[in-house]
């Protein structure tokens, strides 16, 4: 009987590359897939270079019974130079885990299941070879913008056409289906073409065409140009399945209602608070922390600031560890907390972002432009101030400011800082000004579109159904 049950269940395996920013979006896809299709189960296979983090185990243990997981044996990266960038670290973690991946997939197949698909993210394409050997179709789950995906498909062509560095190009680059982007605003790994990070990005970009399909965490109304381009039948690319915006909506409705910042928000007027947060990995320099604090104070607007200890060298210093290594309050300007008391609240290291953005008191979000954060803002209709730090965040900032037009972007001064006057002006403009009202209106329109696409007859729901039916037919062959 148990074996018959296994045979009637379609098993989809998913392998996120390291980093909570890769795991969480894939989990949201798995939850939506299994919730609407109870004959499908998902098994996560997770590579790493160390023991599972508390964040990983907490999230994975909270998932429905239809979603299980295996942690692959940790691999060693001790032979790599200390200054190796994130992209090679992530990619090599996957590559060195391939033998374990192969064993796990073979074990799952021999236990009575038939594995219908292996879904990897943008740094996991080397796993295609393992899946091919086992006769398992491979898919890419792309957790960022369709704009960044279009750039990935375009990169091999650009690599051949351009000499020198992209950041030195005078004219902006025309990514197919997208607004023009200056080379300096392209994703971090392409800023130095001699670095291993660029070579790995190019490597994965070249392999995307081998996928049986690309699952994209975006939706048509947010990125019509890029989605139209990638869905052109004559393009020769794999089928594109826009399934977004997939974010943890339930966390916004439920969760820990006793967090200090949520109680504080309960006492603030509707739409009056600017949420300031640079994601789970973002850090600012000491000088920039000063300017931000004094700019928020000067704006006279209400704010909730999730603050981490500054780092003067690396913008993503807390990528693998969201907790500040020192007391963030020690780095604030003297008297700042006292002077802004009642109007502002500073929270060290972390806040329940999904719940904060869903709160009625939030009227804007100053964000690092991580894609998860942008999508959570769209789902809740919260307009943005775009402050990108690393990875593809500058491209995301171009998308939300110049294409979707749901964000304002402060200017960086000649000294490399966003100065207090600029911060105060942009914050006041978003929260009180005419341009802010326009941005807010456009975000409300996007929120309504997001609600429709996730609805029973929406495009996201239909695309997931198409994938589910395809995978179920795999197991009946």
Protein backbone atom coordinates (compact mmCIF):
# COMPACT_ATOMS: atom_id res chain seq x y z
CA UNK A 1 0.00 0.00 0.00
CA UNK A 2 2.78 2.41 0.97
CA UNK A 3 4.58 1.68 -2.31
CA UNK A 4 1.40 2.38 -4.31
CA UNK A 5 1.10 5.72 -2.51
CA UNK A 6 4.69 6.58 -3.49
CA UNK A 7 4.02 5.63 -7.10
CA UNK A 8 0.94 7.90 -7.20
CA UNK A 9 2.92 10.84 -5.80
CA UNK A 10 5.02 12.91 -8.15
CA UNK A 11 8.34 13.83 -6.54
CA UNK A 12 10.01 17.11 -7.54
CA UNK A 13 13.51 17.72 -6.18
CA UNK A 14 14.83 21.23 -5.60
CA UNK A 15 18.41 22.28 -4.96
CA UNK A 16 18.93 25.89 -3.83
CA UNK A 17 22.48 27.19 -3.81
CA UNK A 18 23.80 28.51 -0.45
CA UNK A 19 22.25 31.61 1.12
CA UNK A 20 18.82 32.16 2.67
CA UNK A 21 18.03 34.54 -0.19
CA UNK A 22 18.09 31.52 -2.52
CA UNK A 23 16.37 29.04 -0.21
CA UNK A 24 13.38 31.17 0.81
CA UNK A 25 12.02 32.01 -2.68
CA UNK A 26 12.33 28.36 -3.72
CA UNK A 27 10.46 27.31 -0.58
CA UNK A 28 7.64 29.70 -1.45
CA UNK A 29 7.39 28.08 -4.89
CA UNK A 30 7.39 24.60 -3.31
CA UNK A 31 4.65 25.60 -0.86
CA UNK A 32 2.43 26.96 -3.60
CA UNK A 33 3.07 23.94 -5.82
CA UNK A 34 2.21 21.36 -3.14
CA UNK A 35 -0.71 23.36 -1.72
CA UNK A 36 -2.56 23.43 -5.04
CA UNK A 37 -1.45 19.98 -6.24
CA UNK A 38 -1.66 17.42 -3.45
CA UNK A 39 -0.33 14.61 -5.63
CA UNK A 40 3.05 16.40 -5.79
CA UNK A 41 5.72 16.21 -3.09
CA UNK A 42 8.90 18.27 -2.99
CA UNK A 43 12.26 17.18 -1.59
CA UNK A 44 14.91 19.86 -0.99
CA UNK A 45 18.54 18.81 -1.41
CA UNK A 46 20.76 21.40 0.24
CA UNK A 47 24.53 21.77 -0.34
CA UNK A 48 26.74 23.72 2.05
CA UNK A 49 30.29 24.19 3.31
CA UNK A 50 29.35 23.74 6.97
CA UNK A 51 26.68 22.67 9.41
CA UNK A 52 23.09 23.77 8.71
CA UNK A 53 22.35 27.23 10.07
CA UNK A 54 19.68 27.82 12.70
CA UNK A 55 17.75 29.88 10.13
CA UNK A 56 17.78 27.01 7.62
CA UNK A 57 16.66 24.35 10.08
CA UNK A 58 13.94 26.59 11.58
CA UNK A 59 12.44 27.35 8.17
CA UNK A 60 12.67 23.79 6.86
CA UNK A 61 11.14 22.22 9.97
CA UNK A 62 8.14 24.53 9.73
CA UNK A 63 7.15 23.32 6.25
CA UNK A 64 4.13 21.13 5.39
CA UNK A 65 4.50 17.33 5.35
CA UNK A 66 4.61 17.30 1.54
CA UNK A 67 7.95 19.14 1.63
CA UNK A 68 10.95 17.22 2.98
CA UNK A 69 14.69 17.87 2.85
CA UNK A 70 18.18 16.40 2.92
CA UNK A 71 21.34 18.29 3.88
CA UNK A 72 24.22 17.07 1.73
CA UNK A 73 27.53 16.40 3.51
CA UNK A 74 29.40 19.71 3.85
CA UNK A 75 32.24 20.32 1.43
CA UNK A 76 35.46 22.24 2.07
CA UNK A 77 36.36 25.59 0.52
CA UNK A 78 39.55 25.98 2.58
CA UNK A 79 41.77 25.86 -0.52
CA UNK A 80 40.25 29.06 -1.95
CA UNK A 81 41.80 32.52 -1.47
CA UNK A 82 40.30 34.55 1.38
CA UNK A 83 39.13 37.25 -1.05
CA UNK A 84 37.13 34.84 -3.24
CA UNK A 85 33.81 36.45 -4.15
CA UNK A 86 30.38 35.05 -3.31
CA UNK A 87 29.55 33.80 -6.83
CA UNK A 88 32.55 31.39 -7.06
CA UNK A 89 32.00 30.29 -3.44
CA UNK A 90 28.36 29.43 -4.11
CA UNK A 91 29.09 27.79 -7.48
CA UNK A 92 31.95 25.69 -6.13
CA UNK A 93 29.85 24.58 -3.18
CA UNK A 94 27.40 23.16 -5.72
CA UNK A 95 30.11 21.62 -7.94
CA UNK A 96 31.85 19.90 -5.03
CA UNK A 97 28.49 18.55 -3.83
CA UNK A 98 27.61 16.88 -7.15
CA UNK A 99 28.69 13.33 -6.11
CA UNK A 100 26.48 13.60 -3.02
CA UNK A 101 23.65 15.01 -5.13
CA UNK A 102 23.93 12.07 -7.52
CA UNK A 103 23.78 9.58 -4.64
CA UNK A 104 20.77 11.33 -3.10
CA UNK A 105 18.82 11.45 -6.36
CA UNK A 106 19.61 7.79 -7.05
CA UNK A 107 18.51 6.89 -3.51
CA UNK A 108 15.22 8.78 -3.88
CA UNK A 109 14.57 7.04 -7.21
CA UNK A 110 15.30 3.58 -5.81
CA UNK A 111 13.00 4.10 -2.81
CA UNK A 112 9.88 3.71 -4.92
CA UNK A 113 9.59 7.30 -6.17
CA UNK A 114 10.13 8.49 -9.67
CA UNK A 115 11.80 11.89 -9.64
CA UNK A 116 9.96 14.06 -12.18
CA UNK A 117 12.29 17.07 -12.15
CA UNK A 118 15.32 18.68 -10.57
CA UNK A 119 14.88 22.42 -9.99
CA UNK A 120 18.04 24.44 -9.34
CA UNK A 121 18.62 28.16 -9.06
CA UNK A 122 20.85 30.44 -11.11
CA UNK A 123 24.11 29.12 -9.58
CA UNK A 124 23.17 25.44 -9.78
CA UNK A 125 23.42 24.69 -13.50
CA UNK A 126 26.34 22.27 -13.05
CA UNK A 127 23.76 19.88 -11.55
CA UNK A 128 22.25 19.53 -15.05
CA UNK A 129 24.93 16.93 -15.83
CA UNK A 130 23.96 14.76 -12.84
CA UNK A 131 20.26 15.01 -13.73
CA UNK A 132 20.95 14.16 -17.38
CA UNK A 133 22.83 11.00 -16.32
CA UNK A 134 19.79 9.93 -14.31
CA UNK A 135 17.25 10.87 -16.98
CA UNK A 136 15.73 13.65 -14.87
CA UNK A 137 14.63 16.91 -16.61
CA UNK A 138 16.29 20.05 -15.15
CA UNK A 139 14.66 23.41 -14.55
CA UNK A 140 16.04 26.75 -13.34
CA UNK A 141 14.14 28.61 -10.65
CA UNK A 142 15.24 32.21 -11.17
CA UNK A 143 14.77 34.14 -7.90
CA UNK A 144 15.48 37.61 -9.28
CA UNK A 145 14.01 39.91 -11.92
CA UNK A 146 13.10 38.92 -15.47
CA UNK A 147 15.35 41.85 -16.39
CA UNK A 148 18.33 40.09 -14.78
CA UNK A 149 17.29 36.84 -16.47
CA UNK A 150 17.14 38.56 -19.86
CA UNK A 151 20.62 39.95 -19.17
CA UNK A 152 21.88 36.44 -18.38
CA UNK A 153 20.65 35.18 -21.75
CA UNK A 154 22.18 38.24 -23.45
CA UNK A 155 25.53 38.08 -21.60
CA UNK A 156 27.29 35.51 -23.85
CA UNK A 157 26.53 37.73 -26.86
CA UNK A 158 27.64 40.87 -25.02
CA UNK A 159 30.83 39.11 -23.91
CA UNK A 160 31.79 38.55 -27.55
CA UNK A 161 30.78 42.03 -28.73
CA UNK A 162 32.41 44.28 -26.11
CA UNK A 163 36.10 44.81 -25.44
CA UNK A 164 37.17 46.14 -22.04
CA UNK A 165 34.96 46.68 -19.02
CA UNK A 166 31.20 47.22 -19.29
CA UNK A 167 31.36 49.91 -16.58
CA UNK A 168 33.55 52.02 -18.89
CA UNK A 169 31.00 52.08 -21.72
CA UNK A 170 29.69 55.58 -22.42
CA UNK A 171 26.34 54.47 -23.80
CA UNK A 172 23.88 52.38 -21.79
CA UNK A 173 23.43 48.70 -22.66
CA UNK A 174 20.14 47.68 -24.27
CA UNK A 175 19.16 44.41 -22.62
CA UNK A 176 16.44 42.82 -24.81
CA UNK A 177 12.97 43.78 -23.58
CA UNK A 178 14.26 46.12 -20.85
CA UNK A 179 14.98 49.78 -20.19
CA UNK A 180 18.60 50.73 -21.02
CA UNK A 181 21.11 50.14 -18.21
CA UNK A 182 24.52 51.75 -17.80
CA UNK A 183 27.37 49.29 -17.40
CA UNK A 184 28.11 50.57 -13.90
CA UNK A 185 24.58 49.54 -12.84
CA UNK A 186 24.89 45.96 -14.06
CA UNK A 187 25.17 43.13 -11.55
CA UNK A 188 28.36 43.10 -9.43
CA UNK A 189 30.00 39.99 -10.96
CA UNK A 190 30.30 41.65 -14.38
CA UNK A 191 32.10 44.75 -13.07
CA UNK A 192 35.49 43.02 -13.35
CA UNK A 193 35.69 40.69 -16.33
CA UNK A 194 39.01 39.23 -15.16
CA UNK A 195 37.57 38.08 -11.85
CA UNK A 196 36.41 34.50 -11.27
CA UNK A 197 32.96 35.86 -10.35
CA UNK A 198 32.44 37.04 -13.94
CA UNK A 199 33.64 33.76 -15.37
CA UNK A 200 31.21 31.80 -13.22
CA UNK A 201 28.28 34.06 -14.13
CA UNK A 202 29.11 33.66 -17.82
CA UNK A 203 29.44 29.90 -17.32
CA UNK A 204 25.94 29.61 -15.82
CA UNK A 205 24.46 32.01 -18.38
CA UNK A 206 25.75 29.80 -21.20
CA UNK A 207 24.10 26.76 -19.62
CA UNK A 208 20.63 28.25 -19.08
CA UNK A 209 19.56 27.20 -22.58
CA UNK A 210 19.99 23.55 -21.57
CA UNK A 211 17.14 23.79 -19.05
CA UNK A 212 13.77 22.18 -19.79
CA UNK A 213 12.19 25.41 -18.52
CA UNK A 214 12.86 28.59 -16.56
CA UNK A 215 10.62 29.33 -13.58
CA UNK A 216 10.67 33.07 -12.93
CA UNK A 217 9.61 34.79 -9.69
CA UNK A 218 8.00 37.80 -11.34
CA UNK A 219 4.76 38.63 -13.14
CA UNK A 220 3.67 40.27 -16.36
CA UNK A 221 2.35 43.60 -15.06
CA UNK A 222 5.63 44.28 -13.25
CA UNK A 223 7.95 43.38 -16.16
CA UNK A 224 5.94 43.16 -19.42
CA UNK A 225 8.82 44.01 -21.76
CA UNK A 226 11.27 41.39 -20.47
CA UNK A 227 8.61 38.68 -20.16
CA UNK A 228 7.36 39.31 -23.70
CA UNK A 229 10.93 39.10 -24.97
CA UNK A 230 11.74 35.82 -23.21
CA UNK A 231 8.46 34.21 -24.25
CA UNK A 232 8.98 34.84 -27.97
CA UNK A 233 8.59 31.43 -29.60
CA UNK A 234 11.37 32.07 -32.12
CA UNK A 235 13.96 32.91 -29.46
CA UNK A 236 15.17 29.32 -29.07
CA UNK A 237 15.21 29.70 -25.28
CA UNK A 238 13.56 27.28 -22.85
CA UNK A 239 9.88 27.93 -21.97
CA UNK A 240 9.43 30.70 -19.40
CA UNK A 241 6.98 30.24 -16.51
CA UNK A 242 6.37 33.52 -14.61
CA UNK A 243 5.01 32.32 -11.24
CA UNK A 244 5.54 35.40 -9.08
CA UNK A 245 5.21 37.33 -6.95
CA UNK A 246 5.98 34.47 -4.55
CA UNK A 247 6.60 35.79 -1.05
CA UNK A 248 5.63 34.54 2.39
CA UNK A 249 2.29 36.31 2.71
CA UNK A 250 1.27 34.25 5.75
CA UNK A 251 4.20 35.67 7.74
CA UNK A 252 2.76 39.09 7.09
CA UNK A 253 -0.62 38.10 8.52
CA UNK A 254 0.44 35.95 11.44
CA UNK A 255 3.69 35.29 13.31
CA UNK A 256 5.10 36.97 16.39
CA UNK A 257 2.71 39.79 17.21
CA UNK A 258 4.72 40.65 20.32
CA UNK A 259 7.82 42.00 18.57
CA UNK A 260 8.68 45.42 19.93
CA UNK A 261 8.54 47.13 16.54
CA UNK A 262 5.03 45.78 15.76
CA UNK A 263 3.70 47.08 19.06
CA UNK A 264 5.32 50.43 18.28
CA UNK A 265 3.75 50.48 14.80
CA UNK A 266 0.32 49.87 16.33
CA UNK A 267 0.56 53.32 17.92
CA UNK A 268 1.52 55.18 14.72
CA UNK A 269 -0.90 56.86 12.27
CA UNK A 270 -1.94 55.01 9.11
CA UNK A 271 0.70 55.13 6.33
CA UNK A 272 2.97 57.46 8.31
CA UNK A 273 6.11 55.33 8.91
CA UNK A 274 9.10 54.81 6.63
CA UNK A 275 10.58 51.32 7.06
CA UNK A 276 14.38 51.36 6.66
CA UNK A 277 16.03 47.98 6.15
CA UNK A 278 18.93 46.74 4.01
CA UNK A 279 17.98 43.06 3.96
CA UNK A 280 19.55 40.08 5.67
CA UNK A 281 22.98 40.84 4.22
CA UNK A 282 23.33 44.60 3.79
CA UNK A 283 25.75 46.79 5.74
CA UNK A 284 26.73 50.47 5.46
CA UNK A 285 29.97 52.26 6.28
CA UNK A 286 30.28 54.22 9.53
CA UNK A 287 30.17 57.52 7.64
CA UNK A 288 27.04 56.44 5.75
CA UNK A 289 25.31 55.34 8.97
CA UNK A 290 25.89 58.87 10.31
CA UNK A 291 24.45 60.49 7.19
CA UNK A 292 21.43 58.19 7.16
CA UNK A 293 20.67 58.81 10.83
CA UNK A 294 20.97 62.58 10.48
CA UNK A 295 18.98 62.55 7.23
CA UNK A 296 16.13 60.62 8.85
CA UNK A 297 16.17 63.05 11.76
CA UNK A 298 16.20 66.07 9.43
CA UNK A 299 13.26 64.70 7.40
CA UNK A 300 10.96 64.99 10.45
CA UNK A 301 9.20 61.81 9.25
CA UNK A 302 8.37 58.75 11.33
CA UNK A 303 10.71 55.83 10.72
CA UNK A 304 11.45 52.26 11.78
CA UNK A 305 15.11 51.44 11.12
CA UNK A 306 16.56 47.93 11.28
CA UNK A 307 20.20 48.71 11.91
CA UNK A 308 23.34 46.60 11.78
CA UNK A 309 26.86 47.44 12.83
CA UNK A 310 28.64 49.32 10.04
CA UNK A 311 31.30 47.71 7.89
CA UNK A 312 33.70 50.02 6.08
CA UNK A 313 34.89 47.41 3.56
CA UNK A 314 32.08 45.13 2.39
CA UNK A 315 28.47 46.08 1.63
CA UNK A 316 27.31 42.48 2.11
CA UNK A 317 29.34 41.73 5.24
CA UNK A 318 26.43 39.95 6.89
CA UNK A 319 25.40 37.86 3.85
CA UNK A 320 25.88 34.58 5.72
CA UNK A 321 25.13 35.98 9.19
CA UNK A 322 22.29 38.46 9.64
CA UNK A 323 23.18 39.26 13.26
CA UNK A 324 25.41 42.28 13.90
CA UNK A 325 28.77 41.45 15.42
CA UNK A 326 28.73 44.53 17.65
CA UNK A 327 26.06 46.66 19.31
CA UNK A 328 24.66 48.82 16.46
CA UNK A 329 23.59 51.56 18.87
CA UNK A 330 27.26 52.29 19.59
CA UNK A 331 27.61 53.63 16.03
CA UNK A 332 24.70 56.09 15.98
CA UNK A 333 25.33 59.86 16.26
CA UNK A 334 25.35 61.04 19.86
CA UNK A 335 21.88 61.91 21.12
CA UNK A 336 20.14 60.59 17.95
CA UNK A 337 17.94 58.03 19.73
CA UNK A 338 16.83 60.56 22.35
CA UNK A 339 16.14 63.31 19.81
CA UNK A 340 14.00 61.04 17.61
CA UNK A 341 12.23 59.19 20.41
CA UNK A 342 8.52 58.70 19.71
CA UNK A 343 8.95 59.60 16.04
CA UNK A 344 11.53 56.94 15.23
CA UNK A 345 12.47 53.47 16.43
CA UNK A 346 15.82 51.76 15.83
CA UNK A 347 15.79 47.96 16.06
CA UNK A 348 19.13 46.10 16.18
CA UNK A 349 19.94 43.47 13.52
CA UNK A 350 16.51 42.07 12.59
CA UNK A 351 12.77 42.71 12.39
CA UNK A 352 9.88 40.59 11.04
CA UNK A 353 9.93 42.30 7.63
CA UNK A 354 6.88 40.54 6.13
CA UNK A 355 4.74 41.61 9.08
CA UNK A 356 6.17 45.13 9.10
CA UNK A 357 5.41 45.69 5.41
CA UNK A 358 1.87 44.36 5.89
CA UNK A 359 1.24 46.81 8.76
CA UNK A 360 -1.20 49.68 8.16
CA UNK A 361 1.20 52.23 9.61
CA UNK A 362 3.87 51.66 6.94
CA UNK A 363 3.81 54.25 4.17
CA UNK A 364 7.20 53.66 2.50
CA UNK A 365 10.21 51.38 2.42
CA UNK A 366 13.85 52.45 2.09
CA UNK A 367 15.32 49.24 0.73
CA UNK A 368 18.55 47.73 -0.62
CA UNK A 369 16.45 46.45 -3.56
CA UNK A 370 16.80 42.76 -2.92
CA UNK A 371 14.18 41.04 -5.06
CA UNK A 372 12.41 39.38 -2.11
CA UNK A 373 12.05 42.79 -0.47
CA UNK A 374 10.73 44.41 -3.66
CA UNK A 375 8.15 41.67 -4.16
CA UNK A 376 7.01 41.90 -0.53
CA UNK A 377 6.56 45.65 -1.08
CA UNK A 378 4.54 45.06 -4.25
CA UNK A 379 2.25 42.52 -2.57
CA UNK A 380 1.59 45.04 0.23
CA UNK A 381 1.44 48.13 -2.01
CA UNK A 382 4.32 49.92 -0.24
CA UNK A 383 6.23 52.51 -2.37
CA UNK A 384 10.02 52.47 -2.31
CA UNK A 385 13.20 54.45 -1.86
CA UNK A 386 15.83 52.50 -3.80
CA UNK A 387 19.25 52.24 -2.11
CA UNK A 388 21.08 49.35 -3.79
CA UNK A 389 24.24 47.88 -2.22
CA UNK A 390 25.51 44.75 -3.99
CA UNK A 391 24.77 41.78 -6.30
CA UNK A 392 22.10 42.69 -8.89
CA UNK A 393 20.52 45.37 -6.69
CA UNK A 394 21.55 48.31 -8.89
CA UNK A 395 19.76 46.66 -11.83
CA UNK A 396 16.73 46.13 -9.60
CA UNK A 397 16.87 49.81 -8.65
CA UNK A 398 16.81 50.77 -12.35
CA UNK A 399 13.76 48.53 -12.83
CA UNK A 400 11.72 49.99 -9.96
CA UNK A 401 12.69 53.64 -10.59
CA UNK A 402 12.88 53.95 -14.38
CA UNK A 403 10.64 51.17 -15.66
CA UNK A 404 7.95 50.32 -13.08
CA UNK A 405 8.28 53.83 -11.57
CA UNK A 406 7.35 52.71 -8.05
CA UNK A 407 10.49 54.06 -6.36
CA UNK A 408 12.55 57.20 -5.81
CA UNK A 409 16.34 56.98 -5.77
CA UNK A 410 18.63 59.30 -3.80
CA UNK A 411 21.72 60.65 -5.53
CA UNK A 412 25.22 59.71 -4.39
CA UNK A 413 27.53 62.70 -3.87
CA UNK A 414 31.09 63.01 -5.17
CA UNK A 415 32.45 61.68 -1.88
CA UNK A 416 30.62 58.38 -2.45
CA UNK A 417 28.00 58.98 0.23
CA UNK A 418 24.28 59.67 0.10
CA UNK A 419 24.33 62.82 2.21
CA UNK A 420 21.88 63.82 4.93
CA UNK A 421 20.25 66.65 2.94
CA UNK A 422 19.56 64.32 0.01
CA UNK A 423 18.18 61.64 2.33
CA UNK A 424 15.90 64.12 4.09
CA UNK A 425 14.59 65.49 0.77
CA UNK A 426 13.88 62.07 -0.77
CA UNK A 427 12.20 60.79 2.40
CA UNK A 428 9.96 63.89 2.60
CA UNK A 429 9.19 63.60 -1.11
CA UNK A 430 8.09 59.97 -0.80
CA UNK A 431 6.05 60.44 2.37
CA UNK A 432 4.53 63.87 1.66
CA UNK A 433 5.37 65.15 -1.84
CA UNK A 434 3.53 65.06 -5.17
CA UNK A 435 6.04 62.67 -6.76
CA UNK A 436 5.62 60.41 -3.75
CA UNK A 437 1.85 60.34 -4.34
CA UNK A 438 2.39 59.28 -7.96
CA UNK A 439 4.78 56.52 -6.91
CA UNK A 440 2.31 55.37 -4.26
CA UNK A 441 -0.54 55.24 -6.81
CA UNK A 442 1.50 53.18 -9.26
CA UNK A 443 2.44 50.75 -6.48
CA UNK A 444 -1.24 50.32 -5.52
CA UNK A 445 -2.00 49.43 -9.16
CA UNK A 446 0.77 46.83 -9.09
CA UNK A 447 -0.55 45.44 -5.81
CA UNK A 448 -3.95 44.86 -7.42
CA UNK A 449 -2.30 43.18 -10.41
CA UNK A 450 -0.28 40.94 -8.06
CA UNK A 451 -3.47 39.91 -6.26
CA UNK A 452 -5.09 38.99 -9.60
CA UNK A 453 -2.14 36.98 -10.91
CA UNK A 454 -1.99 34.93 -7.71
CA UNK A 455 -5.76 34.35 -7.75
CA UNK A 456 -7.60 31.21 -8.84
CA UNK A 457 -7.60 32.13 -12.54
CA UNK A 458 -4.46 34.27 -12.48
CA UNK A 459 -1.39 33.81 -14.68
CA UNK A 460 0.85 32.64 -11.83
CA UNK A 461 -1.64 29.96 -10.80
CA UNK A 462 -2.05 28.77 -14.40
CA UNK A 463 1.72 28.60 -14.99
CA UNK A 464 2.22 26.51 -11.84
CA UNK A 465 -0.62 24.24 -12.95
CA UNK A 466 1.05 23.79 -16.35
CA UNK A 467 4.30 22.78 -14.66
CA UNK A 468 2.49 20.44 -12.24
CA UNK A 469 0.69 18.69 -15.09
CA UNK A 470 3.94 18.35 -17.03
CA UNK A 471 5.71 16.83 -14.02
CA UNK A 472 2.82 14.49 -13.23
CA UNK A 473 2.89 13.25 -16.81
CA UNK A 474 6.63 12.54 -16.37
CA UNK A 475 5.90 10.02 -13.61
CA UNK A 476 3.13 8.29 -15.57
CA UNK A 477 5.43 7.46 -18.51
